[in-house]
Amino acid sequence: MDEQQLNKIKNDPGFIAALDQSGGSTPKALKLYGIDESEYSGEDAMFDLIHEMRTRIITDPAFNGERIIGAILFEQTMDRQIEGKGTAEYLWQDKGVVPFLKVDKGLADEADGTQVMKPIPDLDAVCEKAVGHGVFGTKMRSVIKVANEAGIRANVAQQFEFGKQILGHGLVPIIEPEVDINSPSKSEAEKLLKDRILAELDDVDQPIMLKLTLPEEDGFYTELVEHPKVLRVVALSGGYSRDEANARLARNPGVIASFSRAFTEGLSAQQSDEDYTSTLDASIQSIFEASRT
């Protein structure tokens, strides 16, 4: 583990940009960015366009390690280059932003009110590749739909099982059991989730990170923020607008952002460089300020 990267993630003010949209979410991300599905044909063209989008974000002068401490990448993004360097290497060496890698393969079908992750049979190989690119940590997402104790127990247990495997490679896992913001029992699900996370933390011997939905009760995750086995608690925007996500984040001391849609909100492929930088800078500043509470 790189000590400089560890120090930045642990201590520096700022937030983590989530740039890890994958196959299923890419068309929607491109559409929000001003590129309709009618403008490209096939997966290769789609992934070329999403890499162009991410490259423009990452190379923009507003995007740097002063306010953004980390960025989460899709595996194919890590495998590609920006300005002649691997994307992860470029992030750290040129921008001072710590790279993370999304490692999950998507969601299984819903059972007991949750969606666990699909199997990750090549997890060890992907982790080794990530280490070779200078990646600091990983991210994997599962979803909780309702307050079902058995479902939440299974969901969190799977996250920590994979997390221990990832820790074995010297990488820090971001464990992300997302609670759906539209859940009819969101508050109750968050209580069950926190209890299960605290129970699982008893069984890990190295710090992990948590990526959680902004809670209904302000300051609800303070116990996790202060936990000695939690390096950092970050929040997903989860479908909230940037203004709503920032407002909720500011009411949760010690939690920082790891927004995706809310981070890129307002950016468009059609913008001039000047407008693009101005829009991105305003987005970064607002999220940075909300993350400083």
C-alpha atoms as a PDB file:
ATOM      1  CA  MET A   1       0.000   0.000   0.000  1.00  0.00           C
ATOM      2  CA  ASP A   2       1.310   3.427  -0.970  1.00  0.00           C
ATOM      3  CA  GLU A   3       1.768   5.498   2.208  1.00  0.00           C
ATOM      4  CA  GLN A   4       1.263   8.801   0.375  1.00  0.00           C
ATOM      5  CA  GLN A   5      -2.034   7.582  -1.026  1.00  0.00           C
ATOM      6  CA  LEU A   6      -3.086   6.250   2.381  1.00  0.00           C
ATOM      7  CA  ASN A   7      -2.324   9.577   4.043  1.00  0.00           C
ATOM      8  CA  LYS A   8      -4.283  11.490   1.414  1.00  0.00           C
ATOM      9  CA  ILE A   9      -7.376   9.283   1.692  1.00  0.00           C
ATOM     10  CA  LYS A  10      -7.253   9.224   5.488  1.00  0.00           C
ATOM     11  CA  ASN A  11      -6.498  12.859   6.252  1.00  0.00           C
ATOM     12  CA  ASP A  12      -7.002  15.255   3.352  1.00  0.00           C
ATOM     13  CA  PRO A  13     -10.158  17.321   2.860  1.00  0.00           C
ATOM     14  CA  GLY A  14     -12.003  16.575  -0.354  1.00  0.00           C
ATOM     15  CA  PHE A  15     -14.130  13.870  -1.920  1.00  0.00           C
ATOM     16  CA  ILE A  16     -14.017  10.866  -4.257  1.00  0.00           C
ATOM     17  CA  ALA A  17     -15.303  11.189  -7.825  1.00  0.00           C
ATOM     18  CA  ALA A  18     -17.179   8.081  -8.997  1.00  0.00           C
ATOM     19  CA  LEU A  19     -16.339   7.638 -12.700  1.00  0.00           C
ATOM     20  CA  ASP A  20     -17.149   3.929 -12.833  1.00  0.00           C
ATOM     21  CA  GLN A  21     -20.348   3.603 -14.861  1.00  0.00           C
ATOM     22  CA  SER A  22     -20.233   0.169 -16.515  1.00  0.00           C
ATOM     23  CA  GLY A  23     -22.140  -1.625 -19.290  1.00  0.00           C
ATOM     24  CA  GLY A  24     -25.649  -1.314 -17.907  1.00  0.00           C
ATOM     25  CA  SER A  25     -25.429   2.319 -16.789  1.00  0.00           C
ATOM     26  CA  THR A  26     -23.272   3.681 -19.621  1.00  0.00           C
ATOM     27  CA  PRO A  27     -26.076   4.534 -22.110  1.00  0.00           C
ATOM     28  CA  LYS A  28     -27.876   6.556 -19.431  1.00  0.00           C
ATOM     29  CA  ALA A  29     -24.638   8.332 -18.439  1.00  0.00           C
ATOM     30  CA  LEU A  30     -23.967   9.212 -22.073  1.00  0.00           C
ATOM     31  CA  LYS A  31     -27.534  10.449 -22.594  1.00  0.00           C
ATOM     32  CA  LEU A  32     -27.267  12.747 -19.580  1.00  0.00           C
ATOM     33  CA  TYR A  33     -23.985  13.954 -21.099  1.00  0.00           C
ATOM     34  CA  GLY A  34     -25.756  14.876 -24.326  1.00  0.00           C
ATOM     35  CA  ILE A  35     -24.984  11.802 -26.438  1.00  0.00           C
ATOM     36  CA  ASP A  36     -28.054   9.877 -27.554  1.00  0.00           C
ATOM     37  CA  GLU A  37     -28.013   6.116 -28.269  1.00  0.00           C
ATOM     38  CA  SER A  38     -28.797   6.919 -31.910  1.00  0.00           C
ATOM     39  CA  GLU A  39     -25.361   8.546 -32.234  1.00  0.00           C
ATOM     40  CA  TYR A  40     -23.375   5.317 -31.789  1.00  0.00           C
ATOM     41  CA  SER A  41     -23.684   1.647 -32.655  1.00  0.00           C
ATOM     42  CA  GLY A  42     -22.343  -1.264 -30.616  1.00  0.00           C
ATOM     43  CA  GLU A  43     -20.496  -1.660 -27.320  1.00  0.00           C
ATOM     44  CA  ASP A  44     -17.072  -0.692 -28.671  1.00  0.00           C
ATOM     45  CA  ALA A  45     -18.317   2.678 -29.881  1.00  0.00           C
ATOM     46  CA  MET A  46     -20.201   3.190 -26.605  1.00  0.00           C
ATOM     47  CA  PHE A  47     -17.128   2.518 -24.486  1.00  0.00           C
ATOM     48  CA  ASP A  48     -14.981   4.748 -26.723  1.00  0.00           C
ATOM     49  CA  LEU A  49     -17.418   7.594 -26.068  1.00  0.00           C
ATOM     50  CA  ILE A  50     -17.565   7.041 -22.310  1.00  0.00           C
ATOM     51  CA  HIS A  51     -13.758   7.031 -22.216  1.00  0.00           C
ATOM     52  CA  GLU A  52     -13.744  10.327 -24.108  1.00  0.00           C
ATOM     53  CA  MET A  53     -16.171  11.696 -21.513  1.00  0.00           C
ATOM     54  CA  ARG A  54     -14.018  10.536 -18.604  1.00  0.00           C
ATOM     55  CA  THR A  55     -10.836  11.764 -20.278  1.00  0.00           C
ATOM     56  CA  ARG A  56     -12.306  15.239 -20.707  1.00  0.00           C
ATOM     57  CA  ILE A  57     -13.300  15.308 -17.030  1.00  0.00           C
ATOM     58  CA  ILE A  58      -9.978  14.009 -15.714  1.00  0.00           C
ATOM     59  CA  THR A  59      -7.782  16.225 -17.925  1.00  0.00           C
ATOM     60  CA  ASP A  60      -9.784  19.371 -17.189  1.00  0.00           C
ATOM     61  CA  PRO A  61      -7.819  21.922 -15.120  1.00  0.00           C
ATOM     62  CA  ALA A  62     -10.621  21.985 -12.510  1.00  0.00           C
ATOM     63  CA  PHE A  63     -10.070  18.277 -11.800  1.00  0.00           C
ATOM     64  CA  ASN A  64      -7.085  17.807  -9.469  1.00  0.00           C
ATOM     65  CA  GLY A  65      -6.002  16.530  -6.071  1.00  0.00           C
ATOM     66  CA  GLU A  66      -6.621  19.787  -4.240  1.00  0.00           C
ATOM     67  CA  ARG A  67     -10.347  19.072  -3.863  1.00  0.00           C
ATOM     68  CA  ILE A  68     -10.692  15.535  -5.259  1.00  0.00           C
ATOM     69  CA  ILE A  69      -8.787  13.003  -3.190  1.00  0.00           C
ATOM     70  CA  GLY A  70      -9.778   9.893  -5.159  1.00  0.00           C
ATOM     71  CA  ALA A  71     -11.534   8.617  -8.272  1.00  0.00           C
ATOM     72  CA  ILE A  72     -13.244   5.277  -8.905  1.00  0.00           C
ATOM     73  CA  LEU A  73     -12.624   3.724 -12.321  1.00  0.00           C
ATOM     74  CA  PHE A  74     -14.371   1.074 -14.404  1.00  0.00           C
ATOM     75  CA  GLU A  75     -11.924  -1.753 -15.279  1.00  0.00           C
ATOM     76  CA  GLN A  76     -11.952  -0.886 -18.961  1.00  0.00           C
ATOM     77  CA  THR A  77     -11.054   2.714 -18.058  1.00  0.00           C
ATOM     78  CA  MET A  78      -8.079   1.475 -16.035  1.00  0.00           C
ATOM     79  CA  ASP A  79      -6.983  -0.602 -19.030  1.00  0.00           C
ATOM     80  CA  ARG A  80      -7.051   2.458 -21.320  1.00  0.00           C
ATOM     81  CA  GLN A  81      -4.752   5.457 -21.479  1.00  0.00           C
ATOM     82  CA  ILE A  82      -4.949   9.198 -20.968  1.00  0.00           C
ATOM     83  CA  GLU A  83      -2.236  11.297 -22.615  1.00  0.00           C
ATOM     84  CA  GLY A  84      -0.034   8.266 -23.152  1.00  0.00           C
ATOM     85  CA  LYS A  85      -0.284   6.871 -19.604  1.00  0.00           C
ATOM     86  CA  GLY A  86      -2.523   4.290 -17.997  1.00  0.00           C
ATOM     87  CA  THR A  87      -5.562   6.076 -16.547  1.00  0.00           C
ATOM     88  CA  ALA A  88      -4.772   5.097 -12.943  1.00  0.00           C
ATOM     89  CA  GLU A  89      -1.150   6.147 -13.337  1.00  0.00           C
ATOM     90  CA  TYR A  90      -2.205   9.463 -14.896  1.00  0.00           C
ATOM     91  CA  LEU A  91      -4.630  10.151 -12.038  1.00  0.00           C
ATOM     92  CA  TRP A  92      -1.985   9.759  -9.353  1.00  0.00           C
ATOM     93  CA  GLN A  93       1.168  10.962 -11.102  1.00  0.00           C
ATOM     94  CA  ASP A  94      -0.296  13.934 -13.009  1.00  0.00           C
ATOM     95  CA  LYS A  95      -3.320  14.916 -10.939  1.00  0.00           C
ATOM     96  CA  GLY A  96      -2.535  13.773  -7.394  1.00  0.00           C
ATOM     97  CA  VAL A  97      -5.819  11.838  -7.269  1.00  0.00           C
ATOM     98  CA  VAL A  98      -5.832   8.363  -5.678  1.00  0.00           C
ATOM     99  CA  PRO A  99      -7.208   5.665  -8.040  1.00  0.00           C
ATOM    100  CA  PHE A 100      -9.792   3.055  -7.045  1.00  0.00           C
ATOM    101  CA  LEU A 101     -11.223   0.257  -9.203  1.00  0.00           C
ATOM    102  CA  LYS A 102     -14.812  -1.022  -9.444  1.00  0.00           C
ATOM    103  CA  VAL A 103     -14.535  -4.833  -9.229  1.00  0.00           C
ATOM    104  CA  ASP A 104     -18.108  -6.122  -9.015  1.00  0.00           C
ATOM    105  CA  LYS A 105     -19.843  -7.774 -11.991  1.00  0.00           C
ATOM    106  CA  GLY A 106     -23.270  -6.301 -11.361  1.00  0.00           C
ATOM    107  CA  LEU A 107     -26.260  -7.368  -9.289  1.00  0.00           C
ATOM    108  CA  ALA A 108     -27.965 -10.717  -8.820  1.00  0.00           C
ATOM    109  CA  ASP A 109     -31.761 -10.983  -8.924  1.00  0.00           C
ATOM    110  CA  GLU A 110     -33.633  -9.629  -5.910  1.00  0.00           C
ATOM    111  CA  ALA A 111     -34.115 -11.989  -2.964  1.00  0.00           C
ATOM    112  CA  ASP A 112     -35.226 -11.180   0.595  1.00  0.00           C
ATOM    113  CA  GLY A 113     -35.551  -7.520  -0.340  1.00  0.00           C
ATOM    114  CA  THR A 114     -31.960  -7.096  -1.484  1.00  0.00           C
ATOM    115  CA  GLN A 115     -29.724  -7.637  -4.487  1.00  0.00           C
ATOM    116  CA  VAL A 116     -26.380  -9.157  -3.639  1.00  0.00           C
ATOM    117  CA  MET A 117     -23.532  -9.090  -6.147  1.00  0.00           C
ATOM    118  CA  LYS A 118     -23.059 -11.621  -8.878  1.00  0.00           C
ATOM    119  CA  PRO A 119     -20.042 -13.937  -8.380  1.00  0.00           C
ATOM    120  CA  ILE A 120     -16.614 -12.407  -9.066  1.00  0.00           C
ATOM    121  CA  PRO A 121     -14.618 -15.466 -10.202  1.00  0.00           C
ATOM    122  CA  ASP A 122     -11.624 -13.456 -11.432  1.00  0.00           C
ATOM    123  CA  LEU A 123     -11.351 -11.209  -8.370  1.00  0.00           C
ATOM    124  CA  ASP A 124      -7.782 -12.261  -7.493  1.00  0.00           C
ATOM    125  CA  ALA A 125      -6.559 -11.662 -11.053  1.00  0.00           C
ATOM    126  CA  VAL A 126      -8.292  -8.270 -11.235  1.00  0.00           C
ATOM    127  CA  CYS A 127      -6.793  -7.245  -7.889  1.00  0.00           C
ATOM    128  CA  GLU A 128      -3.312  -8.196  -9.059  1.00  0.00           C
ATOM    129  CA  LYS A 129      -3.785  -6.193 -12.248  1.00  0.00           C
ATOM    130  CA  ALA A 130      -4.971  -3.229 -10.186  1.00  0.00           C
ATOM    131  CA  VAL A 131      -1.896  -3.416  -7.969  1.00  0.00           C
ATOM    132  CA  GLY A 132       0.240  -3.362 -11.113  1.00  0.00           C
ATOM    133  CA  HIS A 133      -1.419  -0.098 -12.155  1.00  0.00           C
ATOM    134  CA  GLY A 134      -0.818   1.550  -8.776  1.00  0.00           C
ATOM    135  CA  VAL A 135      -4.453   1.371  -7.690  1.00  0.00           C
ATOM    136  CA  PHE A 136      -5.069   1.973  -3.972  1.00  0.00           C
ATOM    137  CA  GLY A 137      -8.423   0.316  -3.438  1.00  0.00           C
ATOM    138  CA  THR A 138     -11.559  -1.209  -4.927  1.00  0.00           C
ATOM    139  CA  LYS A 139     -15.298  -0.609  -4.921  1.00  0.00           C
ATOM    140  CA  MET A 140     -18.198  -3.055  -5.138  1.00  0.00           C
ATOM    141  CA  ARG A 141     -21.911  -2.295  -4.985  1.00  0.00           C
ATOM    142  CA  SER A 142     -24.924  -4.253  -3.763  1.00  0.00           C
ATOM    143  CA  VAL A 143     -28.428  -2.913  -3.125  1.00  0.00           C
ATOM    144  CA  ILE A 144     -30.915  -3.061  -0.249  1.00  0.00           C
ATOM    145  CA  LYS A 145     -34.538  -2.470  -1.223  1.00  0.00           C
ATOM    146  CA  VAL A 146     -36.400  -2.974   2.067  1.00  0.00           C
ATOM    147  CA  ALA A 147     -35.745  -3.575   5.752  1.00  0.00           C
ATOM    148  CA  ASN A 148     -35.465  -7.364   5.609  1.00  0.00           C
ATOM    149  CA  GLU A 149     -33.080  -8.601   8.304  1.00  0.00           C
ATOM    150  CA  ALA A 150     -32.122 -11.876   6.581  1.00  0.00           C
ATOM    151  CA  GLY A 151     -31.534 -10.126   3.262  1.00  0.00           C
ATOM    152  CA  ILE A 152     -29.398  -7.387   4.808  1.00  0.00           C
ATOM    153  CA  ARG A 153     -27.381  -9.934   6.779  1.00  0.00           C
ATOM    154  CA  ALA A 154     -26.594 -11.886   3.577  1.00  0.00           C
ATOM    155  CA  ASN A 155     -25.845  -8.709   1.652  1.00  0.00           C
ATOM    156  CA  VAL A 156     -23.361  -7.342   4.167  1.00  0.00           C
ATOM    157  CA  ALA A 157     -21.763 -10.748   4.762  1.00  0.00           C
ATOM    158  CA  GLN A 158     -21.017 -11.095   1.040  1.00  0.00           C
ATOM    159  CA  GLN A 159     -19.524  -7.606   0.919  1.00  0.00           C
ATOM    160  CA  PHE A 160     -17.150  -8.356   3.788  1.00  0.00           C
ATOM    161  CA  GLU A 161     -16.242 -11.793   2.416  1.00  0.00           C
ATOM    162  CA  PHE A 162     -15.054 -10.200  -0.822  1.00  0.00           C
ATOM    163  CA  GLY A 163     -13.535  -7.359   1.193  1.00  0.00           C
ATOM    164  CA  LYS A 164     -11.244  -9.723   3.093  1.00  0.00           C
ATOM    165  CA  GLN A 165     -10.118 -11.288  -0.188  1.00  0.00           C
ATOM    166  CA  ILE A 166      -9.289  -7.818  -1.519  1.00  0.00           C
ATOM    167  CA  LEU A 167      -7.408  -6.863   1.655  1.00  0.00           C
ATOM    168  CA  GLY A 168      -5.203  -9.899   1.037  1.00  0.00           C
ATOM    169  CA  HIS A 169      -3.847  -8.128  -2.064  1.00  0.00           C
ATOM    170  CA  GLY A 170      -2.879  -5.005  -0.138  1.00  0.00           C
ATOM    171  CA  LEU A 171      -5.842  -3.049  -1.523  1.00  0.00           C
ATOM    172  CA  VAL A 172      -8.435  -1.161   0.533  1.00  0.00           C
ATOM    173  CA  PRO A 173     -12.006  -2.224  -0.321  1.00  0.00           C
ATOM    174  CA  ILE A 174     -14.827   0.311  -0.457  1.00  0.00           C
ATOM    175  CA  ILE A 175     -17.810  -1.716   0.728  1.00  0.00           C
ATOM    176  CA  GLU A 176     -21.032  -0.304  -0.765  1.00  0.00           C
ATOM    177  CA  PRO A 177     -24.327  -1.834   0.383  1.00  0.00           C
ATOM    178  CA  GLU A 178     -26.549   0.893  -1.097  1.00  0.00           C
ATOM    179  CA  VAL A 179     -29.964   1.476   0.451  1.00  0.00           C
ATOM    180  CA  ASP A 180     -32.391   2.450  -2.302  1.00  0.00           C
ATOM    181  CA  ILE A 181     -33.465   6.075  -1.724  1.00  0.00           C
ATOM    182  CA  ASN A 182     -37.007   5.080  -2.731  1.00  0.00           C
ATOM    183  CA  SER A 183     -37.260   2.268  -0.184  1.00  0.00           C
ATOM    184  CA  PRO A 184     -40.553   2.355   1.734  1.00  0.00           C
ATOM    185  CA  SER A 185     -38.594   1.294   4.835  1.00  0.00           C
ATOM    186  CA  LYS A 186     -35.366   3.261   4.259  1.00  0.00           C
ATOM    187  CA  SER A 187     -34.827   4.370   7.860  1.00  0.00           C
ATOM    188  CA  GLU A 188     -35.426   0.868   9.260  1.00  0.00           C
ATOM    189  CA  ALA A 189     -33.140  -0.638   6.605  1.00  0.00           C
ATOM    190  CA  GLU A 190     -30.387   1.791   7.600  1.00  0.00           C
ATOM    191  CA  LYS A 191     -30.642   0.731  11.246  1.00  0.00           C
ATOM    192  CA  LEU A 192     -30.348  -2.953  10.321  1.00  0.00           C
ATOM    193  CA  LEU A 193     -27.494  -2.162   7.941  1.00  0.00           C
ATOM    194  CA  LYS A 194     -25.465  -0.267  10.530  1.00  0.00           C
ATOM    195  CA  ASP A 195     -25.856  -3.078  13.060  1.00  0.00           C
ATOM    196  CA  ARG A 196     -24.655  -5.660  10.528  1.00  0.00           C
ATOM    197  CA  ILE A 197     -21.671  -3.541   9.465  1.00  0.00           C
ATOM    198  CA  LEU A 198     -20.620  -3.084  13.091  1.00  0.00           C
ATOM    199  CA  ALA A 199     -20.864  -6.848  13.640  1.00  0.00           C
ATOM    200  CA  GLU A 200     -18.770  -7.601  10.536  1.00  0.00           C
ATOM    201  CA  LEU A 201     -16.118  -5.020  11.503  1.00  0.00           C
ATOM    202  CA  ASP A 202     -15.324  -7.136  14.570  1.00  0.00           C
ATOM    203  CA  ASP A 203     -13.961  -9.765  12.188  1.00  0.00           C
ATOM    204  CA  VAL A 204     -11.596  -7.670  10.043  1.00  0.00           C
ATOM    205  CA  ASP A 205      -8.015  -6.901  11.027  1.00  0.00           C
ATOM    206  CA  GLN A 206      -7.278  -4.083   8.551  1.00  0.00           C
ATOM    207  CA  PRO A 207      -9.153  -0.845   7.847  1.00  0.00           C
ATOM    208  CA  ILE A 208     -11.801  -0.792   5.125  1.00  0.00           C
ATOM    209  CA  MET A 209     -13.894   2.013   3.622  1.00  0.00           C
ATOM    210  CA  LEU A 210     -17.671   2.291   3.468  1.00  0.00           C
ATOM    211  CA  LYS A 211     -19.835   3.870   0.756  1.00  0.00           C
ATOM    212  CA  LEU A 212     -23.340   4.415   2.075  1.00  0.00           C
ATOM    213  CA  THR A 213     -26.590   6.072   1.069  1.00  0.00           C
ATOM    214  CA  LEU A 214     -27.165   9.450   2.718  1.00  0.00           C
ATOM    215  CA  PRO A 215     -29.242   8.520   5.782  1.00  0.00           C
ATOM    216  CA  GLU A 216     -32.668   9.714   6.914  1.00  0.00           C
ATOM    217  CA  GLU A 217     -31.320  10.565  10.379  1.00  0.00           C
ATOM    218  CA  ASP A 218     -28.604  13.239  10.325  1.00  0.00           C
ATOM    219  CA  GLY A 219     -25.300  12.040  11.782  1.00  0.00           C
ATOM    220  CA  PHE A 220     -26.549   8.448  11.762  1.00  0.00           C
ATOM    221  CA  TYR A 221     -23.211   7.002  10.644  1.00  0.00           C
ATOM    222  CA  THR A 222     -20.983   8.892  13.113  1.00  0.00           C
ATOM    223  CA  GLU A 223     -20.266   5.615  14.937  1.00  0.00           C
ATOM    224  CA  LEU A 224     -18.850   4.218  11.669  1.00  0.00           C
ATOM    225  CA  VAL A 225     -16.954   7.437  10.863  1.00  0.00           C
ATOM    226  CA  GLU A 226     -15.181   7.155  14.225  1.00  0.00           C
ATOM    227  CA  HIS A 227     -14.642   3.390  14.097  1.00  0.00           C
ATOM    228  CA  PRO A 228     -10.929   2.431  14.205  1.00  0.00           C
ATOM    229  CA  LYS A 229     -11.374  -0.143  11.431  1.00  0.00           C
ATOM    230  CA  VAL A 230     -13.009   2.342   9.027  1.00  0.00           C
ATOM    231  CA  LEU A 231     -10.566   4.437   7.020  1.00  0.00           C
ATOM    232  CA  ARG A 232     -13.282   6.713   5.615  1.00  0.00           C
ATOM    233  CA  VAL A 233     -17.049   6.795   5.159  1.00  0.00           C
ATOM    234  CA  VAL A 234     -18.145   8.156   1.792  1.00  0.00           C
ATOM    235  CA  ALA A 235     -21.661   8.793   0.517  1.00  0.00           C
ATOM    236  CA  LEU A 236     -23.283   7.989  -2.801  1.00  0.00           C
ATOM    237  CA  SER A 237     -25.741  10.427  -4.344  1.00  0.00           C
ATOM    238  CA  GLY A 238     -28.132   7.545  -5.128  1.00  0.00           C
ATOM    239  CA  GLY A 239     -30.384   9.462  -7.496  1.00  0.00           C
ATOM    240  CA  TYR A 240     -30.641  12.649  -5.445  1.00  0.00           C
ATOM    241  CA  SER A 241     -29.910  15.860  -7.346  1.00  0.00           C
ATOM    242  CA  ARG A 242     -26.567  17.487  -6.560  1.00  0.00           C
ATOM    243  CA  ASP A 243     -28.240  20.193  -4.461  1.00  0.00           C
ATOM    244  CA  GLU A 244     -30.204  17.633  -2.430  1.00  0.00           C
ATOM    245  CA  ALA A 245     -27.199  15.318  -2.063  1.00  0.00           C
ATOM    246  CA  ASN A 246     -24.974  18.192  -0.925  1.00  0.00           C
ATOM    247  CA  ALA A 247     -27.579  19.406   1.564  1.00  0.00           C
ATOM    248  CA  ARG A 248     -27.934  15.932   3.080  1.00  0.00           C
ATOM    249  CA  LEU A 249     -24.157  15.395   3.077  1.00  0.00           C
ATOM    250  CA  ALA A 250     -23.522  18.674   4.912  1.00  0.00           C
ATOM    251  CA  ARG A 251     -25.745  17.406   7.738  1.00  0.00           C
ATOM    252  CA  ASN A 252     -23.570  14.298   8.246  1.00  0.00           C
ATOM    253  CA  PRO A 253     -20.252  15.341   9.833  1.00  0.00           C
ATOM    254  CA  GLY A 254     -17.202  13.318   8.861  1.00  0.00           C
ATOM    255  CA  VAL A 255     -18.842  11.737   5.800  1.00  0.00           C
ATOM    256  CA  ILE A 256     -17.449  12.812   2.403  1.00  0.00           C
ATOM    257  CA  ALA A 257     -18.960  12.508  -1.056  1.00  0.00           C
ATOM    258  CA  SER A 258     -18.413   9.824  -3.653  1.00  0.00           C
ATOM    259  CA  PHE A 259     -20.937  11.049  -6.185  1.00  0.00           C
ATOM    260  CA  SER A 260     -21.425   9.851  -9.755  1.00  0.00           C
ATOM    261  CA  ARG A 261     -24.520  11.342 -11.401  1.00  0.00           C
ATOM    262  CA  ALA A 262     -24.535  14.326  -9.037  1.00  0.00           C
ATOM    263  CA  PHE A 263     -20.846  14.951  -9.811  1.00  0.00           C
ATOM    264  CA  THR A 264     -21.301  15.099 -13.603  1.00  0.00           C
ATOM    265  CA  GLU A 265     -24.688  16.865 -13.461  1.00  0.00           C
ATOM    266  CA  GLY A 266     -24.734  19.765 -15.930  1.00  0.00           C
ATOM    267  CA  LEU A 267     -21.774  18.597 -18.018  1.00  0.00           C
ATOM    268  CA  SER A 268     -22.354  18.177 -21.750  1.00  0.00           C
ATOM    269  CA  ALA A 269     -20.282  16.974 -24.682  1.00  0.00           C
ATOM    270  CA  GLN A 270     -21.488  20.036 -26.583  1.00  0.00           C
ATOM    271  CA  GLN A 271     -20.119  22.612 -24.106  1.00  0.00           C
ATOM    272  CA  SER A 272     -17.190  24.847 -25.026  1.00  0.00           C
ATOM    273  CA  ASP A 273     -14.009  24.234 -23.021  1.00  0.00           C
ATOM    274  CA  GLU A 274     -14.628  27.431 -21.070  1.00  0.00           C
ATOM    275  CA  ASP A 275     -18.224  26.522 -20.173  1.00  0.00           C
ATOM    276  CA  TYR A 276     -17.224  22.948 -19.414  1.00  0.00           C
ATOM    277  CA  THR A 277     -14.470  23.982 -16.992  1.00  0.00           C
ATOM    278  CA  SER A 278     -16.731  26.521 -15.323  1.00  0.00           C
ATOM    279  CA  THR A 279     -19.529  23.959 -14.834  1.00  0.00           C
ATOM    280  CA  LEU A 280     -17.142  21.280 -13.555  1.00  0.00           C
ATOM    281  CA  ASP A 281     -15.377  23.704 -11.223  1.00  0.00           C
ATOM    282  CA  ALA A 282     -18.697  24.803  -9.684  1.00  0.00           C
ATOM    283  CA  SER A 283     -19.740  21.152  -9.220  1.00  0.00           C
ATOM    284  CA  ILE A 284     -16.430  20.242  -7.596  1.00  0.00           C
ATOM    285  CA  GLN A 285     -16.499  23.268  -5.281  1.00  0.00           C
ATOM    286  CA  SER A 286     -20.049  22.630  -4.086  1.00  0.00           C
ATOM    287  CA  ILE A 287     -19.340  18.957  -3.350  1.00  0.00           C
ATOM    288  CA  PHE A 288     -16.011  19.840  -1.714  1.00  0.00           C
ATOM    289  CA  GLU A 289     -17.709  22.314   0.623  1.00  0.00           C
ATOM    290  CA  ALA A 290     -20.455  19.835   1.552  1.00  0.00           C
ATOM    291  CA  SER A 291     -17.755  17.228   2.294  1.00  0.00           C
ATOM    292  CA  ARG A 292     -15.910  19.511   4.720  1.00  0.00           C
ATOM    293  CA  THR A 293     -18.562  19.473   7.455  1.00  0.00           C
END
